[in-house]
N, C-alpha and C. Protein backbone atom coordinates (compact mmCIF):
# COMPACT_ATOMS: atom_id res chain seq x y z
N MET A 1 0.79 -1.25 0.27
CA MET A 1 0.28 -0.22 -0.60
C MET A 1 0.73 1.46 -0.18
N ILE A 2 -0.10 2.36 -0.75
CA ILE A 2 1.31 3.47 -0.56
C ILE A 2 1.07 4.07 0.31
N LYS A 3 1.81 5.13 0.71
CA LYS A 3 1.78 6.01 1.96
C LYS A 3 2.63 7.27 1.34
N TYR A 4 2.34 8.52 2.32
CA TYR A 4 2.48 9.05 2.17
C TYR A 4 3.20 10.40 2.37
N VAL A 5 3.89 10.70 2.80
CA VAL A 5 5.15 11.53 4.08
C VAL A 5 5.50 12.71 3.36
N LYS A 6 5.82 13.86 3.50
CA LYS A 6 6.53 15.39 3.87
C LYS A 6 7.95 14.54 3.43
N LEU A 7 8.71 14.73 2.58
CA LEU A 7 10.48 14.95 2.96
C LEU A 7 11.37 15.64 4.74
N SER A 8 12.26 14.95 4.60
CA SER A 8 12.98 14.39 5.57
C SER A 8 14.42 15.10 5.44
N ALA A 9 15.09 15.25 6.12
CA ALA A 9 16.60 15.00 5.36
C ALA A 9 16.68 13.08 5.57
N ASN A 10 16.11 12.67 6.45
CA ASN A 10 16.58 11.25 6.32
C ASN A 10 16.38 10.86 4.66
N GLU A 11 16.08 11.24 4.04
CA GLU A 11 15.33 10.45 2.64
C GLU A 11 16.16 10.96 1.56
N LEU A 12 17.20 12.97 1.20
CA LEU A 12 17.46 13.47 1.18
C LEU A 12 18.27 12.71 -0.41
N ASP A 13 18.67 11.99 0.01
CA ASP A 13 20.05 10.81 -1.05
C ASP A 13 19.39 10.58 -1.35
N THR A 14 17.96 9.79 -1.22
CA THR A 14 17.78 9.41 -2.41
C THR A 14 16.46 10.46 -3.44
N PHE A 15 16.20 10.26 -2.76
CA PHE A 15 15.42 11.88 -3.20
C PHE A 15 16.80 12.75 -4.66
N ILE A 16 17.65 13.05 -4.07
CA ILE A 16 18.29 13.56 -4.83
C ILE A 16 19.28 13.53 -5.81
N GLN A 17 19.22 11.64 -5.86
CA GLN A 17 19.29 10.13 -6.90
C GLN A 17 18.19 10.84 -8.09
N MET A 18 16.35 10.87 -7.54
CA MET A 18 15.73 10.32 -8.16
C MET A 18 15.61 11.61 -8.85
N ARG A 19 16.09 12.66 -8.23
CA ARG A 19 15.83 14.26 -8.95
C ARG A 19 17.26 14.03 -10.16
N ILE A 20 17.71 13.34 -10.09
CA ILE A 20 18.78 13.66 -10.98
C ILE A 20 18.28 12.24 -12.33
N ARG A 21 18.01 10.98 -11.72
CA ARG A 21 17.53 10.97 -12.72
C ARG A 21 16.32 11.17 -13.39
N GLN A 22 15.53 11.89 -12.78
CA GLN A 22 14.39 11.96 -13.61
C GLN A 22 14.81 13.42 -14.93
N LEU A 23 15.79 14.12 -14.11
CA LEU A 23 16.13 15.18 -15.44
C LEU A 23 17.20 13.50 -16.24
N ARG A 24 18.03 13.47 -16.22
CA ARG A 24 18.34 12.69 -16.79
C ARG A 24 16.78 11.60 -18.23
N GLU A 25 15.66 11.60 -17.65
CA GLU A 25 14.44 10.74 -18.27
C GLU A 25 14.26 11.82 -19.26
N GLU A 26 14.90 12.31 -18.84
CA GLU A 26 13.20 13.80 -19.51
C GLU A 26 14.50 14.54 -21.26
N GLY A 27 15.46 13.89 -20.90
CA GLY A 27 16.45 14.00 -21.96
C GLY A 27 17.72 15.20 -21.70
N ALA A 28 18.79 15.45 -20.27
CA ALA A 28 19.09 16.21 -19.43
C ALA A 28 20.72 15.64 -20.64
N THR A 29 22.29 16.39 -20.98
CA THR A 29 23.12 15.60 -21.13
C THR A 29 23.24 15.40 -19.91
N GLU A 30 24.29 17.18 -19.57
CA GLU A 30 25.37 16.96 -19.00
C GLU A 30 25.56 16.45 -17.98
N ASP A 31 26.92 16.26 -17.68
CA ASP A 31 27.23 15.39 -17.34
C ASP A 31 28.54 16.00 -15.79
N ILE A 32 27.81 16.66 -15.59
CA ILE A 32 28.44 17.33 -14.00
C ILE A 32 27.50 16.79 -12.67
N ASP A 33 28.72 16.67 -11.90
CA ASP A 33 27.92 16.90 -10.62
C ASP A 33 27.56 17.35 -9.78
N LEU A 34 25.75 17.25 -9.88
CA LEU A 34 24.92 18.14 -9.44
C LEU A 34 24.39 17.79 -8.22
N VAL A 35 24.59 16.30 -7.38
CA VAL A 35 24.97 16.61 -6.08
C VAL A 35 24.84 17.40 -4.77
N PRO A 36 26.03 17.70 -5.03
CA PRO A 36 26.68 19.38 -4.18
C PRO A 36 25.19 20.28 -4.14
N ALA A 37 25.44 20.44 -5.68
CA ALA A 37 24.57 21.43 -5.35
C ALA A 37 23.01 21.43 -4.98
N LEU A 38 23.30 20.47 -5.02
CA LEU A 38 21.03 20.02 -4.33
C LEU A 38 21.29 19.88 -3.26
N GLN A 39 22.21 19.14 -2.75
CA GLN A 39 21.77 19.44 -1.79
C GLN A 39 22.33 20.09 -0.65
N ASP A 40 22.71 21.44 -1.43
CA ASP A 40 22.62 22.58 -0.40
C ASP A 40 21.28 23.43 -1.19
N TYR A 41 21.24 23.47 -1.75
CA TYR A 41 19.96 24.03 -1.73
C TYR A 41 18.46 23.61 -1.22
N TYR A 42 18.55 21.64 -1.37
CA TYR A 42 17.35 21.48 -0.28
C TYR A 42 18.31 21.26 1.41
N ASN A 43 19.26 21.79 1.93
CA ASN A 43 19.03 21.65 2.38
C ASN A 43 18.44 23.10 3.19
N ARG A 44 19.04 23.88 2.22
CA ARG A 44 19.01 25.69 2.21
C ARG A 44 16.75 25.69 2.95
N HIS A 45 16.36 25.75 2.00
CA HIS A 45 15.17 26.00 1.16
C HIS A 45 14.57 25.23 1.47
N MET A 46 14.26 23.52 2.98
CA MET A 46 13.27 22.86 3.76
C MET A 46 14.40 23.90 4.50
N SER A 47 14.65 23.53 5.64
CA SER A 47 15.35 24.52 7.01
C SER A 47 14.83 25.61 6.75
N ASP A 48 14.01 26.73 6.00
CA ASP A 48 13.40 27.84 6.08
C ASP A 48 11.80 27.59 5.44
N GLY A 49 11.73 26.81 5.44
CA GLY A 49 10.03 26.32 4.76
C GLY A 49 10.32 26.43 3.12
N THR A 50 11.47 27.30 2.41
CA THR A 50 10.45 27.75 1.46
C THR A 50 10.48 26.81 -0.10
N PHE A 51 10.94 24.98 1.00
CA PHE A 51 10.74 23.85 -0.46
C PHE A 51 10.31 23.50 0.59
N VAL A 52 9.18 22.61 -0.17
CA VAL A 52 8.32 21.54 0.74
C VAL A 52 8.11 19.56 -0.63
N SER A 53 8.04 19.19 -0.66
CA SER A 53 8.15 17.72 -0.87
C SER A 53 7.36 16.88 -0.61
N TRP A 54 6.85 16.70 -0.87
CA TRP A 54 6.19 14.63 -0.54
C TRP A 54 6.53 13.81 -1.05
N LEU A 55 6.22 12.49 -0.71
CA LEU A 55 6.97 11.29 -1.48
C LEU A 55 5.87 10.22 -1.04
N ALA A 56 5.99 9.37 -2.41
CA ALA A 56 5.00 8.44 -1.73
C ALA A 56 6.27 6.50 -1.94
N ILE A 57 5.73 6.35 -1.00
CA ILE A 57 6.08 4.58 -0.38
C ILE A 57 5.83 3.79 -0.40
N ASP A 58 6.71 2.86 -0.69
CA ASP A 58 5.31 1.49 -1.04
C ASP A 58 6.61 0.84 -0.25
N GLY A 59 5.95 -0.10 0.51
CA GLY A 59 7.16 -0.32 1.24
C GLY A 59 8.08 -0.51 2.21
N GLY A 60 8.83 1.09 2.81
CA GLY A 60 10.02 1.62 2.40
C GLY A 60 10.89 2.00 1.38
N GLN A 61 10.05 1.98 0.13
CA GLN A 61 10.36 2.69 -1.32
C GLN A 61 10.08 3.50 -0.79
N ILE A 62 10.96 5.14 -2.32
CA ILE A 62 9.87 6.18 -2.60
C ILE A 62 10.38 5.80 -3.81
N VAL A 63 9.02 5.57 -4.50
CA VAL A 63 8.10 5.14 -5.67
C VAL A 63 7.74 6.59 -7.08
N GLY A 64 7.80 7.53 -5.76
CA GLY A 64 6.47 8.58 -6.12
C GLY A 64 7.69 10.25 -5.93
N THR A 65 7.90 11.17 -6.36
CA THR A 65 8.69 12.36 -5.25
C THR A 65 7.63 13.07 -6.33
N SER A 66 8.07 14.10 -5.75
CA SER A 66 6.83 15.97 -5.89
C SER A 66 8.70 16.91 -5.68
N GLY A 67 7.60 18.32 -5.84
CA GLY A 67 8.22 19.75 -4.93
C GLY A 67 7.50 20.73 -4.67
N ILE A 68 7.86 22.05 -4.45
CA ILE A 68 7.70 22.64 -5.01
C ILE A 68 8.18 24.07 -3.90
N SER A 69 9.21 25.43 -4.83
CA SER A 69 9.68 26.19 -4.01
C SER A 69 9.35 27.32 -4.42
N PHE A 70 9.26 27.91 -3.30
CA PHE A 70 8.19 29.53 -2.60
C PHE A 70 8.93 30.82 -2.77
N VAL A 71 8.07 31.58 -3.79
CA VAL A 71 9.11 32.66 -5.08
C VAL A 71 8.48 34.07 -4.14
N GLU A 72 8.29 34.52 -4.13
CA GLU A 72 8.00 36.13 -4.35
C GLU A 72 8.30 36.67 -5.62
N LYS A 73 7.60 37.70 -6.07
CA LYS A 73 7.49 38.42 -7.35
C LYS A 73 7.03 39.61 -7.00
N PRO A 74 6.77 40.53 -7.89
CA PRO A 74 6.11 42.14 -7.10
C PRO A 74 4.43 41.70 -7.24
N PRO A 75 3.50 41.89 -6.62
CA PRO A 75 1.84 41.25 -6.62
C PRO A 75 1.59 41.84 -8.71
N TYR A 76 0.75 41.20 -9.46
CA TYR A 76 0.74 41.33 -10.50
C TYR A 76 -0.95 41.23 -10.63
N PHE A 77 -2.00 41.65 -11.47
CA PHE A 77 -3.05 40.95 -11.38
C PHE A 77 -2.71 39.71 -11.44
N GLY A 78 -2.57 38.57 -12.25
CA GLY A 78 -2.64 37.76 -12.16
C GLY A 78 -2.32 37.02 -10.16
N CYS A 79 -1.75 37.28 -10.32
CA CYS A 79 -0.78 37.31 -9.04
C CYS A 79 -1.04 38.02 -7.63
N PRO A 80 -1.91 38.84 -6.90
CA PRO A 80 -1.88 39.99 -5.69
C PRO A 80 -1.45 39.34 -4.54
N SER A 81 -0.76 37.43 -4.47
CA SER A 81 -0.84 38.00 -3.19
C SER A 81 1.30 37.95 -3.59
N GLY A 82 1.54 37.95 -5.67
CA GLY A 82 2.81 38.21 -5.34
C GLY A 82 3.66 36.45 -5.32
N LYS A 83 2.79 36.00 -4.97
CA LYS A 83 4.25 34.93 -3.84
C LYS A 83 3.20 33.26 -5.25
N MET A 84 4.25 32.85 -5.56
CA MET A 84 3.99 31.83 -6.37
C MET A 84 5.40 30.29 -5.71
N GLY A 85 3.72 29.19 -6.44
CA GLY A 85 4.84 28.16 -5.91
C GLY A 85 5.31 27.27 -7.41
N LEU A 86 6.33 27.40 -6.97
CA LEU A 86 7.23 26.41 -8.83
C LEU A 86 7.30 25.04 -8.44
N LEU A 87 6.34 24.45 -9.11
CA LEU A 87 7.34 22.55 -9.81
C LEU A 87 8.66 21.96 -9.70
N SER A 88 8.35 21.43 -9.47
CA SER A 88 9.45 20.57 -10.03
C SER A 88 9.44 19.79 -8.85
N SER A 89 10.28 17.72 -9.69
CA SER A 89 11.02 16.72 -8.56
C SER A 89 9.88 16.17 -8.89
N MET A 90 8.76 16.66 -10.31
CA MET A 90 7.45 15.54 -9.72
C MET A 90 7.92 14.05 -10.16
N PHE A 91 7.96 13.01 -9.81
CA PHE A 91 8.65 11.59 -10.34
C PHE A 91 7.81 10.61 -10.41
N THR A 92 7.61 9.40 -11.10
CA THR A 92 7.56 8.71 -10.30
C THR A 92 7.80 6.93 -10.70
N ASN A 93 8.06 6.61 -10.28
CA ASN A 93 9.67 4.72 -10.82
C ASN A 93 8.49 4.68 -11.73
N PRO A 94 8.84 3.95 -13.27
CA PRO A 94 7.74 3.41 -14.06
C PRO A 94 6.75 2.73 -13.57
N GLU A 95 7.56 1.64 -12.69
CA GLU A 95 5.87 0.06 -12.45
C GLU A 95 5.49 0.77 -12.43
N TYR A 96 4.67 2.16 -10.82
CA TYR A 96 4.19 2.68 -10.18
C TYR A 96 3.67 3.25 -11.34
N ARG A 97 3.87 3.75 -12.23
CA ARG A 97 3.17 5.64 -13.49
C ARG A 97 1.70 4.80 -14.03
N ARG A 98 1.08 5.83 -14.23
CA ARG A 98 -0.50 5.30 -14.52
C ARG A 98 -1.71 4.52 -13.68
N LYS A 99 -1.30 5.25 -11.95
CA LYS A 99 -1.69 4.35 -10.87
C LYS A 99 -2.47 5.69 -9.95
N GLY A 100 -2.73 7.21 -10.39
CA GLY A 100 -2.59 7.78 -10.18
C GLY A 100 -1.75 8.95 -8.15
N ILE A 101 -0.30 8.13 -8.09
CA ILE A 101 0.33 8.29 -8.09
C ILE A 101 1.07 10.06 -7.98
N ALA A 102 0.86 10.79 -8.70
CA ALA A 102 1.49 11.54 -10.12
C ALA A 102 0.45 12.28 -9.18
N ARG A 103 -0.91 11.83 -9.20
CA ARG A 103 -2.06 12.87 -8.99
C ARG A 103 -2.80 13.26 -7.30
N GLU A 104 -2.39 12.15 -6.89
CA GLU A 104 -2.24 12.59 -5.96
C GLU A 104 -0.54 13.26 -4.72
N LEU A 105 0.96 12.95 -5.33
CA LEU A 105 2.00 13.47 -4.81
C LEU A 105 1.18 16.26 -5.45
N LEU A 106 0.51 15.98 -6.63
CA LEU A 106 -0.06 16.99 -6.88
C LEU A 106 -0.89 17.19 -6.39
N SER A 107 -2.00 16.92 -6.29
CA SER A 107 -2.96 17.67 -4.94
C SER A 107 -1.86 17.45 -3.85
N ARG A 108 -1.09 17.26 -3.13
CA ARG A 108 -0.87 17.76 -1.78
C ARG A 108 0.43 19.24 -1.94
N VAL A 109 1.69 19.17 -2.53
CA VAL A 109 1.99 20.05 -3.26
C VAL A 109 1.41 21.76 -3.61
N VAL A 110 -0.45 21.66 -4.13
CA VAL A 110 -0.99 22.56 -4.13
C VAL A 110 -1.88 22.50 -3.29
N GLU A 111 -1.78 22.19 -1.96
CA GLU A 111 -2.63 22.20 -0.98
C GLU A 111 -1.53 23.06 -0.15
N GLU A 112 -0.43 23.10 -0.25
CA GLU A 112 1.03 24.05 0.67
C GLU A 112 0.89 24.91 -0.62
N ALA A 113 0.80 25.48 -0.99
CA ALA A 113 1.12 26.76 -1.80
C ALA A 113 0.12 26.85 -2.07
N ARG A 114 -1.06 26.22 -1.40
CA ARG A 114 -2.34 27.23 -1.55
C ARG A 114 -2.25 28.09 0.32
N ALA A 115 -1.87 27.19 1.10
CA ALA A 115 -0.98 27.03 1.66
C ALA A 115 -0.68 28.93 2.57
N TYR A 116 0.78 28.72 1.78
CA TYR A 116 1.39 29.28 2.06
C TYR A 116 0.94 31.16 1.43
N GLY A 117 -0.43 30.40 1.13
CA GLY A 117 0.46 32.16 0.67
C GLY A 117 -0.17 32.39 -1.49
N CYS A 118 0.22 31.23 -2.31
CA CYS A 118 0.80 31.15 -3.24
C CYS A 118 -0.64 31.79 -4.11
N GLY A 119 -0.17 33.26 -5.25
CA GLY A 119 -2.09 33.10 -6.32
C GLY A 119 -1.74 32.14 -7.30
N THR A 120 -0.51 31.17 -7.68
CA THR A 120 -0.32 30.55 -8.92
C THR A 120 0.74 29.88 -8.92
N VAL A 121 0.92 28.40 -8.98
CA VAL A 121 1.23 27.64 -8.81
C VAL A 121 1.78 27.17 -10.68
N GLN A 122 3.27 27.57 -10.75
CA GLN A 122 3.88 27.25 -12.21
C GLN A 122 4.23 26.03 -12.67
N ILE A 123 4.71 25.09 -13.49
CA ILE A 123 5.48 23.80 -14.50
C ILE A 123 6.03 23.83 -15.30
N THR A 124 7.97 23.85 -15.55
CA THR A 124 7.75 23.81 -16.56
C THR A 124 7.35 21.98 -17.56
N ALA A 125 6.11 21.49 -17.45
CA ALA A 125 6.45 19.94 -17.78
C ALA A 125 6.90 19.55 -19.02
N SER A 126 7.38 18.09 -18.41
CA SER A 126 8.46 17.42 -19.21
C SER A 126 6.66 17.04 -20.34
N ASP A 127 6.49 16.95 -21.59
CA ASP A 127 6.09 16.21 -22.47
C ASP A 127 5.55 14.81 -22.00
N MET A 128 5.72 14.05 -21.24
CA MET A 128 4.81 13.33 -19.88
C MET A 128 4.03 13.52 -18.95
N GLY A 129 4.51 15.06 -19.01
CA GLY A 129 3.10 15.64 -17.55
C GLY A 129 2.49 16.22 -18.24
N VAL A 130 2.61 16.98 -19.35
CA VAL A 130 1.10 17.34 -19.59
C VAL A 130 0.30 17.46 -19.56
N LEU A 131 -0.21 16.23 -20.02
CA LEU A 131 -1.97 15.55 -19.19
C LEU A 131 -2.07 15.23 -18.57
N LEU A 132 -0.82 14.70 -17.18
CA LEU A 132 -1.49 15.09 -16.06
C LEU A 132 -2.03 16.59 -15.34
N TYR A 133 -1.02 17.37 -15.94
CA TYR A 133 -1.44 18.97 -15.14
C TYR A 133 -2.13 19.82 -15.83
N THR A 134 -3.26 19.38 -17.08
CA THR A 134 -3.77 19.51 -18.35
C THR A 134 -4.67 19.19 -17.84
N ASP A 135 -5.08 18.31 -17.19
CA ASP A 135 -6.35 17.18 -16.46
C ASP A 135 -6.46 18.27 -14.95
N PHE A 136 -5.48 17.57 -14.09
CA PHE A 136 -5.77 18.78 -13.38
C PHE A 136 -6.44 20.11 -13.21
N GLY A 137 -5.86 20.97 -14.25
CA GLY A 137 -6.49 22.07 -14.57
C GLY A 137 -5.55 22.99 -14.32
N PHE A 138 -4.40 22.81 -14.49
CA PHE A 138 -3.15 23.84 -15.78
C PHE A 138 -3.56 24.70 -17.02
N VAL A 139 -2.85 26.05 -17.15
CA VAL A 139 -3.75 25.56 -18.70
C VAL A 139 -1.95 26.36 -18.75
N LYS A 140 -1.20 26.01 -20.76
CA LYS A 140 -0.57 26.00 -21.16
C LYS A 140 0.02 27.89 -21.74
N ASN A 141 0.54 28.32 -21.18
CA ASN A 141 1.52 29.74 -20.82
C ASN A 141 2.45 29.84 -22.17
N GLY A 142 1.54 30.05 -23.37
CA GLY A 142 3.06 29.54 -24.51
C GLY A 142 4.21 31.51 -24.48
N ASN A 143 4.26 32.47 -23.33
CA ASN A 143 4.78 33.22 -23.42
C ASN A 143 6.39 33.63 -22.39
N PHE A 144 5.72 31.90 -22.18
CA PHE A 144 7.07 31.40 -21.17
C PHE A 144 8.39 31.07 -22.33
N MET A 145 9.48 32.68 -21.31
CA MET A 145 10.20 31.94 -22.15
C MET A 145 12.04 31.85 -20.83
N GLN A 146 13.37 31.88 -21.36
CA GLN A 146 14.41 31.55 -20.73
C GLN A 146 15.63 32.31 -21.19
N TYR A 147 16.55 33.00 -20.42
CA TYR A 147 17.38 33.76 -21.26
C TYR A 147 18.72 33.11 -19.76
N LYS A 148 19.77 31.95 -20.90
CA LYS A 148 20.46 31.31 -19.52
C LYS A 148 21.51 32.31 -19.27
N LEU A 149 22.20 31.59 -18.70
CA LEU A 149 23.32 33.23 -18.02
C LEU A 149 24.90 32.17 -17.96
């Protein structure tokens, strides 16, 4: 039976390995050691409450992950609080997919964003995730652009 728990320091190493696995599955090819940067990010932002993750666990093994980072921008009409949730780390082990796990994890992190006071939740979705997010009620914004430094 799947149980859902919040990420703690105890699961962080496994969570990071799953994050790297997710990035590679989505086509990332950079060959750098991302572990130290991820450890630093998650430790800092978990401790100050600006990153929350829910995990799906089956028999003591993490089989699904989620994450949401809270950021603040100047308020605008679409988000009067200025607080935004940025989804990341949405990953389910292949043998556990299509069983409702990702949807349950998504529901939990969206609720975290609501409780934090966010006015919007955003994600850069993988091709595989688009259906999940669209079905949940996310709307595609064709204006998203990025400038890499």
